[in-house]
All heavy atoms as atom14 arrays in JSON, in Angstrom:
{
  "sequence": "GQGGDQGFDVGKHSAPLLRRMGEELAQVIEERV",
  "atom14_mask": [
    [1, 1, 1, 1, 0, 0, 0, 0, 0, 0, 0, 0, 0, 0],
    [1, 1, 1, 1, 1, 1, 1, 1, 1, 0, 0, 0, 0, 0],
    [1, 1, 1, 1, 0, 0, 0, 0, 0, 0, 0, 0, 0, 0],
    [1, 1, 1, 1, 0, 0, 0, 0, 0, 0, 0, 0, 0, 0],
    [1, 1, 1, 1, 1, 1, 1, 1, 0, 0, 0, 0, 0, 0],
    [1, 1, 1, 1, 1, 1, 1, 1, 1, 0, 0, 0, 0, 0],
    [1, 1, 1, 1, 0, 0, 0, 0, 0, 0, 0, 0, 0, 0],
    [1, 1, 1, 1, 1, 1, 1, 1, 1, 1, 1, 0, 0, 0],
    [1, 1, 1, 1, 1, 1, 1, 1, 0, 0, 0, 0, 0, 0],
    [1, 1, 1, 1, 1, 1, 1, 0, 0, 0, 0, 0, 0, 0],
    [1, 1, 1, 1, 0, 0, 0, 0, 0, 0, 0, 0, 0, 0],
    [1, 1, 1, 1, 1, 1, 1, 1, 1, 0, 0, 0, 0, 0],
    [1, 1, 1, 1, 1, 1, 1, 1, 1, 1, 0, 0, 0, 0],
    [1, 1, 1, 1, 1, 1, 0, 0, 0, 0, 0, 0, 0, 0],
    [1, 1, 1, 1, 1, 0, 0, 0, 0, 0, 0, 0, 0, 0],
    [1, 1, 1, 1, 1, 1, 1, 0, 0, 0, 0, 0, 0, 0],
    [1, 1, 1, 1, 1, 1, 1, 1, 0, 0, 0, 0, 0, 0],
    [1, 1, 1, 1, 1, 1, 1, 1, 0, 0, 0, 0, 0, 0],
    [1, 1, 1, 1, 1, 1, 1, 1, 1, 1, 1, 0, 0, 0],
    [1, 1, 1, 1, 1, 1, 1, 1, 1, 1, 1, 0, 0, 0],
    [1, 1, 1, 1, 1, 1, 1, 1, 0, 0, 0, 0, 0, 0],
    [1, 1, 1, 1, 0, 0, 0, 0, 0, 0, 0, 0, 0, 0],
    [1, 1, 1, 1, 1, 1, 1, 1, 1, 0, 0, 0, 0, 0],
    [1, 1, 1, 1, 1, 1, 1, 1, 1, 0, 0, 0, 0, 0],
    [1, 1, 1, 1, 1, 1, 1, 1, 0, 0, 0, 0, 0, 0],
    [1, 1, 1, 1, 1, 0, 0, 0, 0, 0, 0, 0, 0, 0],
    [1, 1, 1, 1, 1, 1, 1, 1, 1, 0, 0, 0, 0, 0],
    [1, 1, 1, 1, 1, 1, 1, 0, 0, 0, 0, 0, 0, 0],
    [1, 1, 1, 1, 1, 1, 1, 1, 0, 0, 0, 0, 0, 0],
    [1, 1, 1, 1, 1, 1, 1, 1, 1, 0, 0, 0, 0, 0],
    [1, 1, 1, 1, 1, 1, 1, 1, 1, 0, 0, 0, 0, 0],
    [1, 1, 1, 1, 1, 1, 1, 1, 1, 1, 1, 0, 0, 0],
    [1, 1, 1, 1, 1, 1, 1, 0, 0, 0, 0, 0, 0, 0]
  ],
  "atom14_positions": [
    [[25.28, -42.77, 8.34], [26.1, -41.75, 8.97], [26.18, -40.48, 8.17], [25.51, -40.27, 7.18], [0.0, 0.0, 0.0], [0.0, 0.0, 0.0], [0.0, 0.0, 0.0], [0.0, 0.0, 0.0], [0.0, 0.0, 0.0], [0.0, 0.0, 0.0], [0.0, 0.0, 0.0], [0.0, 0.0, 0.0], [0.0, 0.0, 0.0], [0.0, 0.0, 0.0]],
    [[27.04, -39.59, 8.65], [27.26, -38.31, 8.02], [28.75, -38.16, 7.75], [29.59, -38.71, 8.46], [26.79, -37.17, 8.93], [25.3, -37.22, 9.25], [24.92, -36.17, 10.27], [25.76, -35.47, 10.82], [23.63, -36.04, 10.51], [0.0, 0.0, 0.0], [0.0, 0.0, 0.0], [0.0, 0.0, 0.0], [0.0, 0.0, 0.0], [0.0, 0.0, 0.0]],
    [[29.09, -37.41, 6.75], [30.48, -37.08, 6.51], [31.35, -38.28, 6.22], [32.51, -38.32, 6.63], [0.0, 0.0, 0.0], [0.0, 0.0, 0.0], [0.0, 0.0, 0.0], [0.0, 0.0, 0.0], [0.0, 0.0, 0.0], [0.0, 0.0, 0.0], [0.0, 0.0, 0.0], [0.0, 0.0, 0.0], [0.0, 0.0, 0.0], [0.0, 0.0, 0.0]],
    [[30.82, -39.3, 5.56], [31.64, -40.45, 5.23], [31.74, -41.49, 6.32], [32.38, -42.51, 6.17], [0.0, 0.0, 0.0], [0.0, 0.0, 0.0], [0.0, 0.0, 0.0], [0.0, 0.0, 0.0], [0.0, 0.0, 0.0], [0.0, 0.0, 0.0], [0.0, 0.0, 0.0], [0.0, 0.0, 0.0], [0.0, 0.0, 0.0], [0.0, 0.0, 0.0]],
    [[31.1, -41.24, 7.44], [31.11, -42.18, 8.55], [29.76, -42.89, 8.57], [28.72, -42.26, 8.39], [31.33, -41.41, 9.86], [31.61, -42.34, 11.03], [30.72, -43.11, 11.4], [32.72, -42.26, 11.56], [0.0, 0.0, 0.0], [0.0, 0.0, 0.0], [0.0, 0.0, 0.0], [0.0, 0.0, 0.0], [0.0, 0.0, 0.0], [0.0, 0.0, 0.0]],
    [[29.77, -44.18, 8.81], [28.52, -44.94, 8.78], [27.71, -44.81, 10.07], [26.68, -45.44, 10.21], [28.83, -46.42, 8.52], [29.3, -46.7, 7.09], [28.28, -46.22, 6.07], [27.12, -46.6, 6.11], [28.71, -45.37, 5.14], [0.0, 0.0, 0.0], [0.0, 0.0, 0.0], [0.0, 0.0, 0.0], [0.0, 0.0, 0.0], [0.0, 0.0, 0.0]],
    [[28.16, -43.96, 10.98], [27.39, -43.73, 12.19], [27.55, -44.86, 13.19], [28.34, -45.77, 13.02], [0.0, 0.0, 0.0], [0.0, 0.0, 0.0], [0.0, 0.0, 0.0], [0.0, 0.0, 0.0], [0.0, 0.0, 0.0], [0.0, 0.0, 0.0], [0.0, 0.0, 0.0], [0.0, 0.0, 0.0], [0.0, 0.0, 0.0], [0.0, 0.0, 0.0]],
    [[26.8, -44.79, 14.25], [26.89, -45.77, 15.32], [25.84, -46.85, 15.13], [24.66, -46.56, 14.98], [26.65, -45.08, 16.67], [27.77, -44.18, 17.08], [27.82, -42.88, 16.62], [28.77, -44.62, 17.92], [28.84, -42.03, 17.0], [29.8, -43.79, 18.3], [29.83, -42.48, 17.84], [0.0, 0.0, 0.0], [0.0, 0.0, 0.0], [0.0, 0.0, 0.0]],
    [[26.27, -48.09, 15.16], [25.33, -49.21, 15.1], [24.86, -49.47, 16.53], [25.3, -50.4, 17.19], [26.02, -50.44, 14.51], [25.07, -51.62, 14.38], [23.86, -51.41, 14.49], [25.56, -52.74, 14.18], [0.0, 0.0, 0.0], [0.0, 0.0, 0.0], [0.0, 0.0, 0.0], [0.0, 0.0, 0.0], [0.0, 0.0, 0.0], [0.0, 0.0, 0.0]],
    [[23.96, -48.62, 17.0], [23.61, -48.67, 18.42], [22.51, -49.67, 18.74], [22.29, -50.0, 19.9], [23.2, -47.27, 18.94], [24.3, -46.29, 18.71], [21.9, -46.8, 18.3], [0.0, 0.0, 0.0], [0.0, 0.0, 0.0], [0.0, 0.0, 0.0], [0.0, 0.0, 0.0], [0.0, 0.0, 0.0], [0.0, 0.0, 0.0], [0.0, 0.0, 0.0]],
    [[21.81, -50.15, 17.75], [20.71, -51.06, 18.02], [21.14, -52.27, 18.82], [20.45, -52.7, 19.75], [0.0, 0.0, 0.0], [0.0, 0.0, 0.0], [0.0, 0.0, 0.0], [0.0, 0.0, 0.0], [0.0, 0.0, 0.0], [0.0, 0.0, 0.0], [0.0, 0.0, 0.0], [0.0, 0.0, 0.0], [0.0, 0.0, 0.0], [0.0, 0.0, 0.0]],
    [[22.31, -52.81, 18.49], [22.76, -54.02, 19.19], [23.21, -53.74, 20.61], [23.42, -54.66, 21.4], [23.91, -54.67, 18.41], [25.19, -53.85, 18.38], [26.27, -54.56, 17.57], [27.57, -53.76, 17.52], [28.6, -54.43, 16.7], [0.0, 0.0, 0.0], [0.0, 0.0, 0.0], [0.0, 0.0, 0.0], [0.0, 0.0, 0.0], [0.0, 0.0, 0.0]],
    [[23.37, -52.45, 20.97], [23.82, -52.11, 22.31], [22.68, -51.73, 23.25], [22.88, -51.62, 24.45], [24.81, -50.93, 22.25], [26.06, -51.23, 21.5], [27.03, -52.09, 21.96], [26.51, -50.78, 20.3], [28.03, -52.15, 21.09], [27.73, -51.37, 20.07], [0.0, 0.0, 0.0], [0.0, 0.0, 0.0], [0.0, 0.0, 0.0], [0.0, 0.0, 0.0]],
    [[21.47, -51.49, 22.71], [20.4, -51.0, 23.57], [19.92, -52.06, 24.56], [19.55, -51.74, 25.69], [19.23, -50.49, 22.74], [18.72, -51.51, 21.89], [0.0, 0.0, 0.0], [0.0, 0.0, 0.0], [0.0, 0.0, 0.0], [0.0, 0.0, 0.0], [0.0, 0.0, 0.0], [0.0, 0.0, 0.0], [0.0, 0.0, 0.0], [0.0, 0.0, 0.0]],
    [[19.94, -53.33, 24.16], [19.46, -54.38, 25.07], [20.26, -54.45, 26.36], [19.67, -54.57, 27.44], [19.47, -55.74, 24.35], [0.0, 0.0, 0.0], [0.0, 0.0, 0.0], [0.0, 0.0, 0.0], [0.0, 0.0, 0.0], [0.0, 0.0, 0.0], [0.0, 0.0, 0.0], [0.0, 0.0, 0.0], [0.0, 0.0, 0.0], [0.0, 0.0, 0.0]],
    [[21.61, -54.36, 26.33], [22.35, -54.36, 27.6], [21.98, -53.2, 28.52], [21.98, -53.35, 29.74], [23.82, -54.27, 27.16], [23.82, -54.88, 25.79], [22.53, -54.46, 25.18], [0.0, 0.0, 0.0], [0.0, 0.0, 0.0], [0.0, 0.0, 0.0], [0.0, 0.0, 0.0], [0.0, 0.0, 0.0], [0.0, 0.0, 0.0], [0.0, 0.0, 0.0]],
    [[21.66, -52.04, 27.96], [21.26, -50.91, 28.79], [19.95, -51.21, 29.5], [19.8, -50.94, 30.7], [21.09, -49.65, 27.93], [22.3, -49.13, 27.19], [21.96, -47.85, 26.45], [23.46, -48.89, 28.15], [0.0, 0.0, 0.0], [0.0, 0.0, 0.0], [0.0, 0.0, 0.0], [0.0, 0.0, 0.0], [0.0, 0.0, 0.0], [0.0, 0.0, 0.0]],
    [[18.99, -51.78, 28.78], [17.71, -52.13, 29.39], [17.89, -53.23, 30.43], [17.23, -53.22, 31.47], [16.72, -52.55, 28.31], [16.33, -51.46, 27.31], [15.48, -52.05, 26.18], [15.57, -50.33, 28.01], [0.0, 0.0, 0.0], [0.0, 0.0, 0.0], [0.0, 0.0, 0.0], [0.0, 0.0, 0.0], [0.0, 0.0, 0.0], [0.0, 0.0, 0.0]],
    [[18.78, -54.18, 30.15], [19.03, -55.24, 31.14], [19.63, -54.65, 32.41], [19.27, -55.07, 33.52], [19.96, -56.3, 30.55], [19.25, -57.27, 29.62], [20.04, -58.54, 29.43], [21.33, -58.31, 28.8], [21.52, -58.29, 27.48], [20.5, -58.49, 26.66], [22.72, -58.08, 26.98], [0.0, 0.0, 0.0], [0.0, 0.0, 0.0], [0.0, 0.0, 0.0]],
    [[20.53, -53.69, 32.25], [21.12, -53.07, 33.44], [20.04, -52.38, 34.28], [20.0, -52.52, 35.51], [22.19, -52.06, 33.02], [22.84, -51.38, 34.22], [23.82, -50.3, 33.8], [24.23, -49.53, 34.96], [24.82, -48.35, 34.92], [25.11, -47.81, 33.74], [25.15, -47.71, 36.01], [0.0, 0.0, 0.0], [0.0, 0.0, 0.0], [0.0, 0.0, 0.0]],
    [[19.16, -51.65, 33.62], [18.07, -50.99, 34.34], [17.16, -52.0, 35.01], [16.71, -51.81, 36.14], [17.29, -50.1, 33.38], [18.06, -48.88, 32.89], [17.13, -47.91, 31.68], [15.72, -47.38, 32.67], [0.0, 0.0, 0.0], [0.0, 0.0, 0.0], [0.0, 0.0, 0.0], [0.0, 0.0, 0.0], [0.0, 0.0, 0.0], [0.0, 0.0, 0.0]],
    [[16.88, -53.11, 34.31], [16.03, -54.16, 34.87], [16.64, -54.77, 36.12], [15.94, -55.01, 37.12], [0.0, 0.0, 0.0], [0.0, 0.0, 0.0], [0.0, 0.0, 0.0], [0.0, 0.0, 0.0], [0.0, 0.0, 0.0], [0.0, 0.0, 0.0], [0.0, 0.0, 0.0], [0.0, 0.0, 0.0], [0.0, 0.0, 0.0], [0.0, 0.0, 0.0]],
    [[17.96, -55.03, 36.1], [18.63, -55.61, 37.26], [18.65, -54.62, 38.43], [18.49, -55.02, 39.58], [20.06, -56.01, 36.89], [20.14, -57.24, 35.98], [19.63, -58.52, 36.64], [19.71, -58.63, 37.88], [19.14, -59.4, 35.92], [0.0, 0.0, 0.0], [0.0, 0.0, 0.0], [0.0, 0.0, 0.0], [0.0, 0.0, 0.0], [0.0, 0.0, 0.0]],
    [[18.85, -53.34, 38.12], [18.85, -52.33, 39.18], [17.48, -52.27, 39.86], [17.37, -52.22, 41.09], [19.2, -50.97, 38.6], [20.64, -50.86, 38.12], [21.56, -50.24, 39.15], [21.08, -49.83, 40.22], [22.77, -50.19, 38.88], [0.0, 0.0, 0.0], [0.0, 0.0, 0.0], [0.0, 0.0, 0.0], [0.0, 0.0, 0.0], [0.0, 0.0, 0.0]],
    [[16.42, -52.26, 39.06], [15.07, -52.2, 39.63], [14.74, -53.49, 40.38], [14.11, -53.45, 41.45], [14.04, -51.95, 38.53], [12.59, -51.79, 38.99], [12.47, -50.7, 40.04], [11.69, -51.48, 37.79], [0.0, 0.0, 0.0], [0.0, 0.0, 0.0], [0.0, 0.0, 0.0], [0.0, 0.0, 0.0], [0.0, 0.0, 0.0], [0.0, 0.0, 0.0]],
    [[15.19, -54.62, 39.86], [14.97, -55.89, 40.56], [15.6, -55.88, 41.94], [15.01, -56.38, 42.91], [15.55, -57.04, 39.72], [0.0, 0.0, 0.0], [0.0, 0.0, 0.0], [0.0, 0.0, 0.0], [0.0, 0.0, 0.0], [0.0, 0.0, 0.0], [0.0, 0.0, 0.0], [0.0, 0.0, 0.0], [0.0, 0.0, 0.0], [0.0, 0.0, 0.0]],
    [[16.79, -55.29, 42.04], [17.46, -55.23, 43.34], [16.66, -54.37, 44.32], [16.52, -54.73, 45.49], [18.87, -54.65, 43.16], [19.68, -54.62, 44.45], [21.1, -54.13, 44.23], [21.56, -53.97, 43.1], [21.8, -53.87, 45.32], [0.0, 0.0, 0.0], [0.0, 0.0, 0.0], [0.0, 0.0, 0.0], [0.0, 0.0, 0.0], [0.0, 0.0, 0.0]],
    [[16.12, -53.26, 43.83], [15.3, -52.39, 44.69], [14.07, -53.16, 45.18], [13.73, -53.13, 46.37], [14.87, -51.13, 43.93], [13.79, -50.37, 44.7], [16.07, -50.23, 43.66], [0.0, 0.0, 0.0], [0.0, 0.0, 0.0], [0.0, 0.0, 0.0], [0.0, 0.0, 0.0], [0.0, 0.0, 0.0], [0.0, 0.0, 0.0], [0.0, 0.0, 0.0]],
    [[13.41, -53.87, 44.28], [12.21, -54.62, 44.65], [12.55, -55.72, 45.65], [11.85, -55.9, 46.66], [11.55, -55.21, 43.38], [11.0, -54.07, 42.5], [10.43, -56.19, 43.75], [10.56, -54.52, 41.12], [0.0, 0.0, 0.0], [0.0, 0.0, 0.0], [0.0, 0.0, 0.0], [0.0, 0.0, 0.0], [0.0, 0.0, 0.0], [0.0, 0.0, 0.0]],
    [[13.63, -56.44, 45.39], [14.04, -57.53, 46.28], [14.35, -57.01, 47.68], [14.02, -57.65, 48.69], [15.26, -58.23, 45.7], [16.01, -59.17, 46.62], [15.23, -60.41, 47.01], [14.18, -60.69, 46.39], [15.67, -61.11, 47.94], [0.0, 0.0, 0.0], [0.0, 0.0, 0.0], [0.0, 0.0, 0.0], [0.0, 0.0, 0.0], [0.0, 0.0, 0.0]],
    [[14.96, -55.84, 47.77], [15.33, -55.28, 49.07], [14.13, -54.75, 49.85], [14.16, -54.71, 51.07], [16.34, -54.13, 48.87], [17.71, -54.57, 48.41], [18.6, -53.38, 48.06], [18.08, -52.24, 47.99], [19.81, -53.59, 47.87], [0.0, 0.0, 0.0], [0.0, 0.0, 0.0], [0.0, 0.0, 0.0], [0.0, 0.0, 0.0], [0.0, 0.0, 0.0]],
    [[13.07, -54.35, 49.14], [12.03, -53.57, 49.79], [10.66, -54.24, 49.88], [9.86, -53.88, 50.74], [11.86, -52.23, 49.05], [13.14, -51.42, 49.0], [12.93, -50.11, 48.3], [14.18, -49.36, 48.23], [14.27, -48.04, 48.12], [13.16, -47.33, 48.06], [15.42, -47.44, 48.05], [0.0, 0.0, 0.0], [0.0, 0.0, 0.0], [0.0, 0.0, 0.0]],
    [[10.38, -55.16, 48.97], [9.03, -55.72, 48.9], [9.03, -57.19, 49.3], [9.87, -57.97, 48.83], [8.45, -55.56, 47.47], [7.02, -56.09, 47.42], [8.49, -54.09, 47.03], [0.0, 0.0, 0.0], [0.0, 0.0, 0.0], [0.0, 0.0, 0.0], [0.0, 0.0, 0.0], [0.0, 0.0, 0.0], [0.0, 0.0, 0.0], [0.0, 0.0, 0.0]]
  ]
}
């Protein structure tokens, strides 16, 4: 981090974002194909 702050430990949060996108795309595919 900067200024005495250790910053955001975002690595552990990125997987849920990708899972959300995957589920959204899966729904589109299921509805259309």
